[in-house]
mmCIF file of all heavy atoms, coordinates in Angstrom:
data_MODEL
# 
_entry.id   MODEL 
# 
loop_
_atom_site.group_PDB 
_atom_site.id 
_atom_site.type_symbol 
_atom_site.label_atom_id 
_atom_site.label_alt_id 
_atom_site.label_comp_id 
_atom_site.label_asym_id 
_atom_site.label_entity_id 
_atom_site.label_seq_id 
_atom_site.pdbx_PDB_ins_code 
_atom_site.Cartn_x 
_atom_site.Cartn_y 
_atom_site.Cartn_z 
_atom_site.occupancy 
_atom_site.B_iso_or_equiv 
_atom_site.pdbx_formal_charge 
_atom_site.auth_seq_id 
_atom_site.auth_comp_id 
_atom_site.auth_asym_id 
_atom_site.auth_atom_id 
_atom_site.pdbx_PDB_model_num 
ATOM 1   N N   . PHE A 1 1  ? 111.434 6.622   36.457 1.00 0.00 ? 1  PHE A N   1 
ATOM 2   C CA  . PHE A 1 1  ? 112.560 5.732   36.164 1.00 0.00 ? 1  PHE A CA  1 
ATOM 3   C C   . PHE A 1 1  ? 112.154 4.278   35.960 1.00 0.00 ? 1  PHE A C   1 
ATOM 4   O O   . PHE A 1 1  ? 113.019 3.395   35.912 1.00 0.00 ? 1  PHE A O   1 
ATOM 5   C CB  . PHE A 1 1  ? 113.600 5.833   37.278 1.00 0.00 ? 1  PHE A CB  1 
ATOM 6   C CG  . PHE A 1 1  ? 114.324 7.141   37.312 1.00 0.00 ? 1  PHE A CG  1 
ATOM 7   C CD1 . PHE A 1 1  ? 114.157 8.029   38.367 1.00 0.00 ? 1  PHE A CD1 1 
ATOM 8   C CD2 . PHE A 1 1  ? 115.165 7.506   36.271 1.00 0.00 ? 1  PHE A CD2 1 
ATOM 9   C CE1 . PHE A 1 1  ? 114.829 9.246   38.389 1.00 0.00 ? 1  PHE A CE1 1 
ATOM 10  C CE2 . PHE A 1 1  ? 115.836 8.721   36.285 1.00 0.00 ? 1  PHE A CE2 1 
ATOM 11  C CZ  . PHE A 1 1  ? 115.670 9.593   37.352 1.00 0.00 ? 1  PHE A CZ  1 
ATOM 12  N N   . ILE A 1 2  ? 110.851 4.023   35.789 1.00 0.00 ? 2  ILE A N   1 
ATOM 13  C CA  . ILE A 1 2  ? 110.398 2.652   35.580 1.00 0.00 ? 2  ILE A CA  1 
ATOM 14  C C   . ILE A 1 2  ? 110.980 2.072   34.299 1.00 0.00 ? 2  ILE A C   1 
ATOM 15  O O   . ILE A 1 2  ? 111.021 0.847   34.110 1.00 0.00 ? 2  ILE A O   1 
ATOM 16  C CB  . ILE A 1 2  ? 108.851 2.600   35.557 1.00 0.00 ? 2  ILE A CB  1 
ATOM 17  C CG1 . ILE A 1 2  ? 108.346 1.152   35.688 1.00 0.00 ? 2  ILE A CG1 1 
ATOM 18  C CG2 . ILE A 1 2  ? 108.312 3.232   34.279 1.00 0.00 ? 2  ILE A CG2 1 
ATOM 19  C CD1 . ILE A 1 2  ? 108.655 0.504   36.986 1.00 0.00 ? 2  ILE A CD1 1 
ATOM 20  N N   . PHE A 1 3  ? 111.460 2.935   33.391 1.00 0.00 ? 3  PHE A N   1 
ATOM 21  C CA  . PHE A 1 3  ? 112.059 2.443   32.146 1.00 0.00 ? 3  PHE A CA  1 
ATOM 22  C C   . PHE A 1 3  ? 113.271 1.541   32.416 1.00 0.00 ? 3  PHE A C   1 
ATOM 23  O O   . PHE A 1 3  ? 113.644 0.732   31.551 1.00 0.00 ? 3  PHE A O   1 
ATOM 24  C CB  . PHE A 1 3  ? 112.461 3.605   31.236 1.00 0.00 ? 3  PHE A CB  1 
ATOM 25  C CG  . PHE A 1 3  ? 113.596 4.456   31.741 1.00 0.00 ? 3  PHE A CG  1 
ATOM 26  C CD1 . PHE A 1 3  ? 114.914 4.047   31.597 1.00 0.00 ? 3  PHE A CD1 1 
ATOM 27  C CD2 . PHE A 1 3  ? 113.342 5.682   32.335 1.00 0.00 ? 3  PHE A CD2 1 
ATOM 28  C CE1 . PHE A 1 3  ? 115.954 4.838   32.055 1.00 0.00 ? 3  PHE A CE1 1 
ATOM 29  C CE2 . PHE A 1 3  ? 114.384 6.475   32.796 1.00 0.00 ? 3  PHE A CE2 1 
ATOM 30  C CZ  . PHE A 1 3  ? 115.689 6.045   32.657 1.00 0.00 ? 3  PHE A CZ  1 
ATOM 31  N N   . LEU A 1 4  ? 113.885 1.674   33.597 1.00 0.00 ? 4  LEU A N   1 
ATOM 32  C CA  . LEU A 1 4  ? 115.026 0.821   33.909 1.00 0.00 ? 4  LEU A CA  1 
ATOM 33  C C   . LEU A 1 4  ? 114.616 -0.650  33.950 1.00 0.00 ? 4  LEU A C   1 
ATOM 34  O O   . LEU A 1 4  ? 115.392 -1.531  33.566 1.00 0.00 ? 4  LEU A O   1 
ATOM 35  C CB  . LEU A 1 4  ? 115.643 1.230   35.249 1.00 0.00 ? 4  LEU A CB  1 
ATOM 36  C CG  . LEU A 1 4  ? 116.389 2.565   35.240 1.00 0.00 ? 4  LEU A CG  1 
ATOM 37  C CD1 . LEU A 1 4  ? 116.620 3.059   36.653 1.00 0.00 ? 4  LEU A CD1 1 
ATOM 38  C CD2 . LEU A 1 4  ? 117.717 2.426   34.493 1.00 0.00 ? 4  LEU A CD2 1 
ATOM 39  N N   . ALA A 1 5  ? 113.403 -0.926  34.405 1.00 0.00 ? 5  ALA A N   1 
ATOM 40  C CA  . ALA A 1 5  ? 112.899 -2.300  34.400 1.00 0.00 ? 5  ALA A CA  1 
ATOM 41  C C   . ALA A 1 5  ? 112.435 -2.697  33.012 1.00 0.00 ? 5  ALA A C   1 
ATOM 42  O O   . ALA A 1 5  ? 112.822 -3.737  32.473 1.00 0.00 ? 5  ALA A O   1 
ATOM 43  C CB  . ALA A 1 5  ? 111.758 -2.442  35.403 1.00 0.00 ? 5  ALA A CB  1 
ATOM 44  N N   . TYR A 1 6  ? 111.601 -1.858  32.382 1.00 0.00 ? 6  TYR A N   1 
ATOM 45  C CA  . TYR A 1 6  ? 111.010 -2.207  31.092 1.00 0.00 ? 6  TYR A CA  1 
ATOM 46  C C   . TYR A 1 6  ? 112.063 -2.328  29.991 1.00 0.00 ? 6  TYR A C   1 
ATOM 47  O O   . TYR A 1 6  ? 112.047 -3.268  29.188 1.00 0.00 ? 6  TYR A O   1 
ATOM 48  C CB  . TYR A 1 6  ? 109.973 -1.163  30.691 1.00 0.00 ? 6  TYR A CB  1 
ATOM 49  C CG  . TYR A 1 6  ? 108.728 -1.151  31.539 1.00 0.00 ? 6  TYR A CG  1 
ATOM 50  C CD1 . TYR A 1 6  ? 107.776 -0.150  31.417 1.00 0.00 ? 6  TYR A CD1 1 
ATOM 51  C CD2 . TYR A 1 6  ? 108.491 -2.150  32.493 1.00 0.00 ? 6  TYR A CD2 1 
ATOM 52  C CE1 . TYR A 1 6  ? 106.619 -0.139  32.191 1.00 0.00 ? 6  TYR A CE1 1 
ATOM 53  C CE2 . TYR A 1 6  ? 107.354 -2.143  33.274 1.00 0.00 ? 6  TYR A CE2 1 
ATOM 54  C CZ  . TYR A 1 6  ? 106.423 -1.131  33.112 1.00 0.00 ? 6  TYR A CZ  1 
ATOM 55  O OH  . TYR A 1 6  ? 105.288 -1.126  33.887 1.00 0.00 ? 6  TYR A OH  1 
ATOM 56  N N   . GLY A 1 7  ? 112.971 -1.359  29.938 1.00 0.00 ? 7  GLY A N   1 
ATOM 57  C CA  . GLY A 1 7  ? 113.992 -1.383  28.894 1.00 0.00 ? 7  GLY A CA  1 
ATOM 58  C C   . GLY A 1 7  ? 114.932 -2.563  29.034 1.00 0.00 ? 7  GLY A C   1 
ATOM 59  O O   . GLY A 1 7  ? 115.307 -3.205  28.043 1.00 0.00 ? 7  GLY A O   1 
ATOM 60  N N   . THR A 1 8  ? 115.316 -2.877  30.269 1.00 0.00 ? 8  THR A N   1 
ATOM 61  C CA  . THR A 1 8  ? 116.215 -4.007  30.499 1.00 0.00 ? 8  THR A CA  1 
ATOM 62  C C   . THR A 1 8  ? 115.536 -5.329  30.162 1.00 0.00 ? 8  THR A C   1 
ATOM 63  O O   . THR A 1 8  ? 116.164 -6.234  29.605 1.00 0.00 ? 8  THR A O   1 
ATOM 64  C CB  . THR A 1 8  ? 116.692 -4.022  31.960 1.00 0.00 ? 8  THR A CB  1 
ATOM 65  O OG1 . THR A 1 8  ? 117.266 -2.756  32.288 1.00 0.00 ? 8  THR A OG1 1 
ATOM 66  C CG2 . THR A 1 8  ? 117.740 -5.098  32.182 1.00 0.00 ? 8  THR A CG2 1 
ATOM 67  N N   . THR A 1 9  ? 114.252 -5.454  30.462 1.00 0.00 ? 9  THR A N   1 
ATOM 68  C CA  . THR A 1 9  ? 113.525 -6.693  30.150 1.00 0.00 ? 9  THR A CA  1 
ATOM 69  C C   . THR A 1 9  ? 113.601 -7.020  28.667 1.00 0.00 ? 9  THR A C   1 
ATOM 70  O O   . THR A 1 9  ? 113.934 -8.151  28.279 1.00 0.00 ? 9  THR A O   1 
ATOM 71  C CB  . THR A 1 9  ? 112.052 -6.573  30.575 1.00 0.00 ? 9  THR A CB  1 
ATOM 72  O OG1 . THR A 1 9  ? 111.972 -6.408  31.996 1.00 0.00 ? 9  THR A OG1 1 
ATOM 73  C CG2 . THR A 1 9  ? 111.272 -7.821  30.181 1.00 0.00 ? 9  THR A CG2 1 
ATOM 74  N N   . GLY A 1 10 ? 113.290 -6.040  27.821 1.00 0.00 ? 10 GLY A N   1 
ATOM 75  C CA  . GLY A 1 10 ? 113.300 -6.289  26.387 1.00 0.00 ? 10 GLY A CA  1 
ATOM 76  C C   . GLY A 1 10 ? 114.685 -6.608  25.850 1.00 0.00 ? 10 GLY A C   1 
ATOM 77  O O   . GLY A 1 10 ? 114.862 -7.540  25.057 1.00 0.00 ? 10 GLY A O   1 
ATOM 78  N N   . ALA A 1 11 ? 115.693 -5.836  26.294 1.00 0.00 ? 11 ALA A N   1 
ATOM 79  C CA  . ALA A 1 11 ? 117.052 -6.051  25.803 1.00 0.00 ? 11 ALA A CA  1 
ATOM 80  C C   . ALA A 1 11 ? 117.595 -7.410  26.240 1.00 0.00 ? 11 ALA A C   1 
ATOM 81  O O   . ALA A 1 11 ? 118.231 -8.124  25.459 1.00 0.00 ? 11 ALA A O   1 
ATOM 82  C CB  . ALA A 1 11 ? 117.964 -4.932  26.296 1.00 0.00 ? 11 ALA A CB  1 
ATOM 83  N N   . VAL A 1 12 ? 117.341 -7.786  27.486 1.00 0.00 ? 12 VAL A N   1 
ATOM 84  C CA  . VAL A 1 12 ? 117.801 -9.079  27.992 1.00 0.00 ? 12 VAL A CA  1 
ATOM 85  C C   . VAL A 1 12 ? 117.023 -10.212 27.338 1.00 0.00 ? 12 VAL A C   1 
ATOM 86  O O   . VAL A 1 12 ? 117.589 -11.261 26.987 1.00 0.00 ? 12 VAL A O   1 
ATOM 87  C CB  . VAL A 1 12 ? 117.663 -9.129  29.527 1.00 0.00 ? 12 VAL A CB  1 
ATOM 88  C CG1 . VAL A 1 12 ? 117.854 -10.559 30.045 1.00 0.00 ? 12 VAL A CG1 1 
ATOM 89  C CG2 . VAL A 1 12 ? 118.672 -8.204  30.182 1.00 0.00 ? 12 VAL A CG2 1 
ATOM 90  N N   . GLY A 1 13 ? 115.715 -10.028 27.159 1.00 0.00 ? 13 GLY A N   1 
ATOM 91  C CA  . GLY A 1 13 ? 114.891 -11.061 26.552 1.00 0.00 ? 13 GLY A CA  1 
ATOM 92  C C   . GLY A 1 13 ? 115.344 -11.408 25.138 1.00 0.00 ? 13 GLY A C   1 
ATOM 93  O O   . GLY A 1 13 ? 115.365 -12.587 24.751 1.00 0.00 ? 13 GLY A O   1 
ATOM 94  N N   . ARG A 1 14 ? 115.722 -10.420 24.362 1.00 0.00 ? 14 ARG A N   1 
ATOM 95  C CA  . ARG A 1 14 ? 116.205 -10.687 23.003 1.00 0.00 ? 14 ARG A CA  1 
ATOM 96  C C   . ARG A 1 14 ? 117.467 -11.548 23.035 1.00 0.00 ? 14 ARG A C   1 
ATOM 97  O O   . ARG A 1 14 ? 117.602 -12.497 22.254 1.00 0.00 ? 14 ARG A O   1 
ATOM 98  C CB  . ARG A 1 14 ? 116.467 -9.378  22.267 1.00 0.00 ? 14 ARG A CB  1 
ATOM 99  C CG  . ARG A 1 14 ? 115.193 -8.722  21.701 1.00 0.00 ? 14 ARG A CG  1 
ATOM 100 C CD  . ARG A 1 14 ? 115.533 -7.481  20.912 1.00 0.00 ? 14 ARG A CD  1 
ATOM 101 N NE  . ARG A 1 14 ? 114.343 -6.928  20.264 1.00 0.00 ? 14 ARG A NE  1 
ATOM 102 C CZ  . ARG A 1 14 ? 113.960 -7.207  19.021 1.00 0.00 ? 14 ARG A CZ  1 
ATOM 103 N NH1 . ARG A 1 14 ? 114.678 -8.033  18.283 1.00 0.00 ? 14 ARG A NH1 1 
ATOM 104 N NH2 . ARG A 1 14 ? 112.874 -6.659  18.492 1.00 0.00 ? 14 ARG A NH2 1 
ATOM 105 N N   . ARG A 1 15 ? 118.379 -11.218 23.901 1.00 0.00 ? 15 ARG A N   1 
ATOM 106 C CA  . ARG A 1 15 ? 119.622 -12.001 23.963 1.00 0.00 ? 15 ARG A CA  1 
ATOM 107 C C   . ARG A 1 15 ? 119.375 -13.395 24.517 1.00 0.00 ? 15 ARG A C   1 
ATOM 108 O O   . ARG A 1 15 ? 120.016 -14.366 24.103 1.00 0.00 ? 15 ARG A O   1 
ATOM 109 C CB  . ARG A 1 15 ? 120.663 -11.256 24.810 1.00 0.00 ? 15 ARG A CB  1 
ATOM 110 C CG  . ARG A 1 15 ? 121.268 -10.088 24.058 1.00 0.00 ? 15 ARG A CG  1 
ATOM 111 C CD  . ARG A 1 15 ? 121.937 -9.099  24.988 1.00 0.00 ? 15 ARG A CD  1 
ATOM 112 N NE  . ARG A 1 15 ? 122.499 -7.994  24.237 1.00 0.00 ? 15 ARG A NE  1 
ATOM 113 C CZ  . ARG A 1 15 ? 121.788 -6.967  23.760 1.00 0.00 ? 15 ARG A CZ  1 
ATOM 114 N NH1 . ARG A 1 15 ? 120.485 -6.929  23.953 1.00 0.00 ? 15 ARG A NH1 1 
ATOM 115 N NH2 . ARG A 1 15 ? 122.373 -6.003  23.074 1.00 0.00 ? 15 ARG A NH2 1 
ATOM 116 N N   . THR A 1 16 ? 118.427 -13.511 25.438 1.00 0.00 ? 16 THR A N   1 
ATOM 117 C CA  . THR A 1 16 ? 118.058 -14.827 25.947 1.00 0.00 ? 16 THR A CA  1 
ATOM 118 C C   . THR A 1 16 ? 117.487 -15.688 24.824 1.00 0.00 ? 16 THR A C   1 
ATOM 119 O O   . THR A 1 16 ? 117.847 -16.859 24.668 1.00 0.00 ? 16 THR A O   1 
ATOM 120 C CB  . THR A 1 16 ? 117.040 -14.700 27.087 1.00 0.00 ? 16 THR A CB  1 
ATOM 121 O OG1 . THR A 1 16 ? 117.617 -13.927 28.151 1.00 0.00 ? 16 THR A OG1 1 
ATOM 122 C CG2 . THR A 1 16 ? 116.637 -16.064 27.620 1.00 0.00 ? 16 THR A CG2 1 
ATOM 123 N N   . GLY A 1 17 ? 116.599 -15.115 24.041 1.00 0.00 ? 17 GLY A N   1 
ATOM 124 C CA  . GLY A 1 17 ? 116.020 -15.844 22.917 1.00 0.00 ? 17 GLY A CA  1 
ATOM 125 C C   . GLY A 1 17 ? 117.049 -16.206 21.868 1.00 0.00 ? 17 GLY A C   1 
ATOM 126 O O   . GLY A 1 17 ? 116.936 -17.241 21.195 1.00 0.00 ? 17 GLY A O   1 
ATOM 127 N N   . ALA A 1 18 ? 118.070 -15.364 21.722 1.00 0.00 ? 18 ALA A N   1 
ATOM 128 C CA  . ALA A 1 18 ? 119.122 -15.623 20.736 1.00 0.00 ? 18 ALA A CA  1 
ATOM 129 C C   . ALA A 1 18 ? 120.140 -16.639 21.232 1.00 0.00 ? 18 ALA A C   1 
ATOM 130 O O   . ALA A 1 18 ? 121.111 -16.947 20.529 1.00 0.00 ? 18 ALA A O   1 
ATOM 131 C CB  . ALA A 1 18 ? 119.830 -14.312 20.386 1.00 0.00 ? 18 ALA A CB  1 
ATOM 132 N N   . GLY A 1 19 ? 119.947 -17.161 22.434 1.00 0.00 ? 19 GLY A N   1 
ATOM 133 C CA  . GLY A 1 19 ? 120.886 -18.136 22.978 1.00 0.00 ? 19 GLY A CA  1 
ATOM 134 C C   . GLY A 1 19 ? 122.194 -17.521 23.426 1.00 0.00 ? 19 GLY A C   1 
ATOM 135 O O   . GLY A 1 19 ? 123.252 -18.153 23.355 1.00 0.00 ? 19 GLY A O   1 
ATOM 136 N N   . ASP A 1 20 ? 122.125 -16.274 23.911 1.00 0.00 ? 20 ASP A N   1 
ATOM 137 C CA  . ASP A 1 20 ? 123.322 -15.548 24.336 1.00 0.00 ? 20 ASP A CA  1 
ATOM 138 C C   . ASP A 1 20 ? 123.184 -15.119 25.789 1.00 0.00 ? 20 ASP A C   1 
ATOM 139 O O   . ASP A 1 20 ? 123.014 -13.932 26.089 1.00 0.00 ? 20 ASP A O   1 
ATOM 140 C CB  . ASP A 1 20 ? 123.533 -14.334 23.423 1.00 0.00 ? 20 ASP A CB  1 
ATOM 141 C CG  . ASP A 1 20 ? 124.781 -13.526 23.773 1.00 0.00 ? 20 ASP A CG  1 
ATOM 142 O OD1 . ASP A 1 20 ? 125.658 -14.078 24.477 1.00 0.00 ? 20 ASP A OD1 1 
ATOM 143 O OD2 . ASP A 1 20 ? 124.872 -12.357 23.348 1.00 0.00 ? 20 ASP A OD2 1 
ATOM 144 N N   . PRO A 1 21 ? 123.254 -16.065 26.736 1.00 0.00 ? 21 PRO A N   1 
ATOM 145 C CA  . PRO A 1 21 ? 123.103 -15.690 28.146 1.00 0.00 ? 21 PRO A CA  1 
ATOM 146 C C   . PRO A 1 21 ? 124.210 -14.757 28.624 1.00 0.00 ? 21 PRO A C   1 
ATOM 147 O O   . PRO A 1 21 ? 123.984 -13.926 29.508 1.00 0.00 ? 21 PRO A O   1 
ATOM 148 C CB  . PRO A 1 21 ? 123.148 -17.033 28.877 1.00 0.00 ? 21 PRO A CB  1 
ATOM 149 C CG  . PRO A 1 21 ? 123.835 -17.967 27.944 1.00 0.00 ? 21 PRO A CG  1 
ATOM 150 C CD  . PRO A 1 21 ? 123.466 -17.511 26.570 1.00 0.00 ? 21 PRO A CD  1 
ATOM 151 N N   . ARG A 1 22 ? 125.420 -14.893 28.050 1.00 0.00 ? 22 ARG A N   1 
ATOM 152 C CA  . ARG A 1 22 ? 126.510 -14.000 28.436 1.00 0.00 ? 22 ARG A CA  1 
ATOM 153 C C   . ARG A 1 22 ? 126.173 -12.562 28.046 1.00 0.00 ? 22 ARG A C   1 
ATOM 154 O O   . ARG A 1 22 ? 126.392 -11.626 28.829 1.00 0.00 ? 22 ARG A O   1 
ATOM 155 C CB  . ARG A 1 22 ? 127.808 -14.441 27.762 1.00 0.00 ? 22 ARG A CB  1 
ATOM 156 C CG  . ARG A 1 22 ? 129.017 -13.564 28.097 1.00 0.00 ? 22 ARG A CG  1 
ATOM 157 C CD  . ARG A 1 22 ? 130.278 -14.142 27.453 1.00 0.00 ? 22 ARG A CD  1 
ATOM 158 N NE  . ARG A 1 22 ? 131.437 -13.303 27.724 1.00 0.00 ? 22 ARG A NE  1 
ATOM 159 C CZ  . ARG A 1 22 ? 131.763 -12.231 27.004 1.00 0.00 ? 22 ARG A CZ  1 
ATOM 160 N NH1 . ARG A 1 22 ? 131.025 -11.882 25.952 1.00 0.00 ? 22 ARG A NH1 1 
ATOM 161 N NH2 . ARG A 1 22 ? 132.835 -11.525 27.321 1.00 0.00 ? 22 ARG A NH2 1 
ATOM 162 N N   . GLY A 1 23 ? 125.641 -12.387 26.823 1.00 0.00 ? 23 GLY A N   1 
ATOM 163 C CA  . GLY A 1 23 ? 125.241 -11.048 26.393 1.00 0.00 ? 23 GLY A CA  1 
ATOM 164 C C   . GLY A 1 23 ? 124.114 -10.499 27.243 1.00 0.00 ? 23 GLY A C   1 
ATOM 165 O O   . GLY A 1 23 ? 124.083 -9.300  27.552 1.00 0.00 ? 23 GLY A O   1 
ATOM 166 N N   . ALA A 1 24 ? 123.184 -11.376 27.650 1.00 0.00 ? 24 ALA A N   1 
ATOM 167 C CA  . ALA A 1 24 ? 122.083 -10.936 28.510 1.00 0.00 ? 24 ALA A CA  1 
ATOM 168 C C   . ALA A 1 24 ? 122.616 -10.446 29.849 1.00 0.00 ? 24 ALA A C   1 
ATOM 169 O O   . ALA A 1 24 ? 122.182 -9.411  30.372 1.00 0.00 ? 24 ALA A O   1 
ATOM 170 C CB  . ALA A 1 24 ? 121.100 -12.090 28.717 1.00 0.00 ? 24 ALA A CB  1 
ATOM 171 N N   . ALA A 1 25 ? 123.573 -11.180 30.413 1.00 0.00 ? 25 ALA A N   1 
ATOM 172 C CA  . ALA A 1 25 ? 124.160 -10.769 31.688 1.00 0.00 ? 25 ALA A CA  1 
ATOM 173 C C   . ALA A 1 25 ? 124.937 -9.467  31.543 1.00 0.00 ? 25 ALA A C   1 
ATOM 174 O O   . ALA A 1 25 ? 124.915 -8.614  32.442 1.00 0.00 ? 25 ALA A O   1 
ATOM 175 C CB  . ALA A 1 25 ? 125.073 -11.872 32.214 1.00 0.00 ? 25 ALA A CB  1 
ATOM 176 N N   . HIS A 1 26 ? 125.609 -9.303  30.406 1.00 0.00 ? 26 HIS A N   1 
ATOM 177 C CA  . HIS A 1 26 ? 126.372 -8.074  30.174 1.00 0.00 ? 26 HIS A CA  1 
ATOM 178 C C   . HIS A 1 26 ? 125.434 -6.867  30.123 1.00 0.00 ? 26 HIS A C   1 
ATOM 179 O O   . HIS A 1 26 ? 125.729 -5.813  30.719 1.00 0.00 ? 26 HIS A O   1 
ATOM 180 C CB  . HIS A 1 26 ? 127.157 -8.195  28.872 1.00 0.00 ? 26 HIS A CB  1 
ATOM 181 C CG  . HIS A 1 26 ? 128.021 -6.998  28.585 1.00 0.00 ? 26 HIS A CG  1 
ATOM 182 N ND1 . HIS A 1 26 ? 129.051 -6.592  29.418 1.00 0.00 ? 26 HIS A ND1 1 
ATOM 183 C CD2 . HIS A 1 26 ? 128.005 -6.099  27.559 1.00 0.00 ? 26 HIS A CD2 1 
ATOM 184 C CE1 . HIS A 1 26 ? 129.630 -5.519  28.918 1.00 0.00 ? 26 HIS A CE1 1 
ATOM 185 N NE2 . HIS A 1 26 ? 129.012 -5.198  27.799 1.00 0.00 ? 26 HIS A NE2 1 
ATOM 186 N N   . VAL A 1 27 ? 124.308 -7.006  29.433 1.00 0.00 ? 27 VAL A N   1 
ATOM 187 C CA  . VAL A 1 27 ? 123.320 -5.923  29.382 1.00 0.00 ? 27 VAL A CA  1 
ATOM 188 C C   . VAL A 1 27 ? 122.794 -5.627  30.778 1.00 0.00 ? 27 VAL A C   1 
ATOM 189 O O   . VAL A 1 27 ? 122.617 -4.462  31.158 1.00 0.00 ? 27 VAL A O   1 
ATOM 190 C CB  . VAL A 1 27 ? 122.154 -6.303  28.437 1.00 0.00 ? 27 VAL A CB  1 
ATOM 191 C CG1 . VAL A 1 27 ? 120.996 -5.326  28.597 1.00 0.00 ? 27 VAL A CG1 1 
ATOM 192 C CG2 . VAL A 1 27 ? 122.628 -6.306  26.993 1.00 0.00 ? 27 VAL A CG2 1 
# 
């Protein structure tokens, strides 16, 4: 289940880079 950390990192990182902290928190 380590994918829970790895998958969330990438998805949140993209939204962080896009300037969407709300979307990052939602993910």
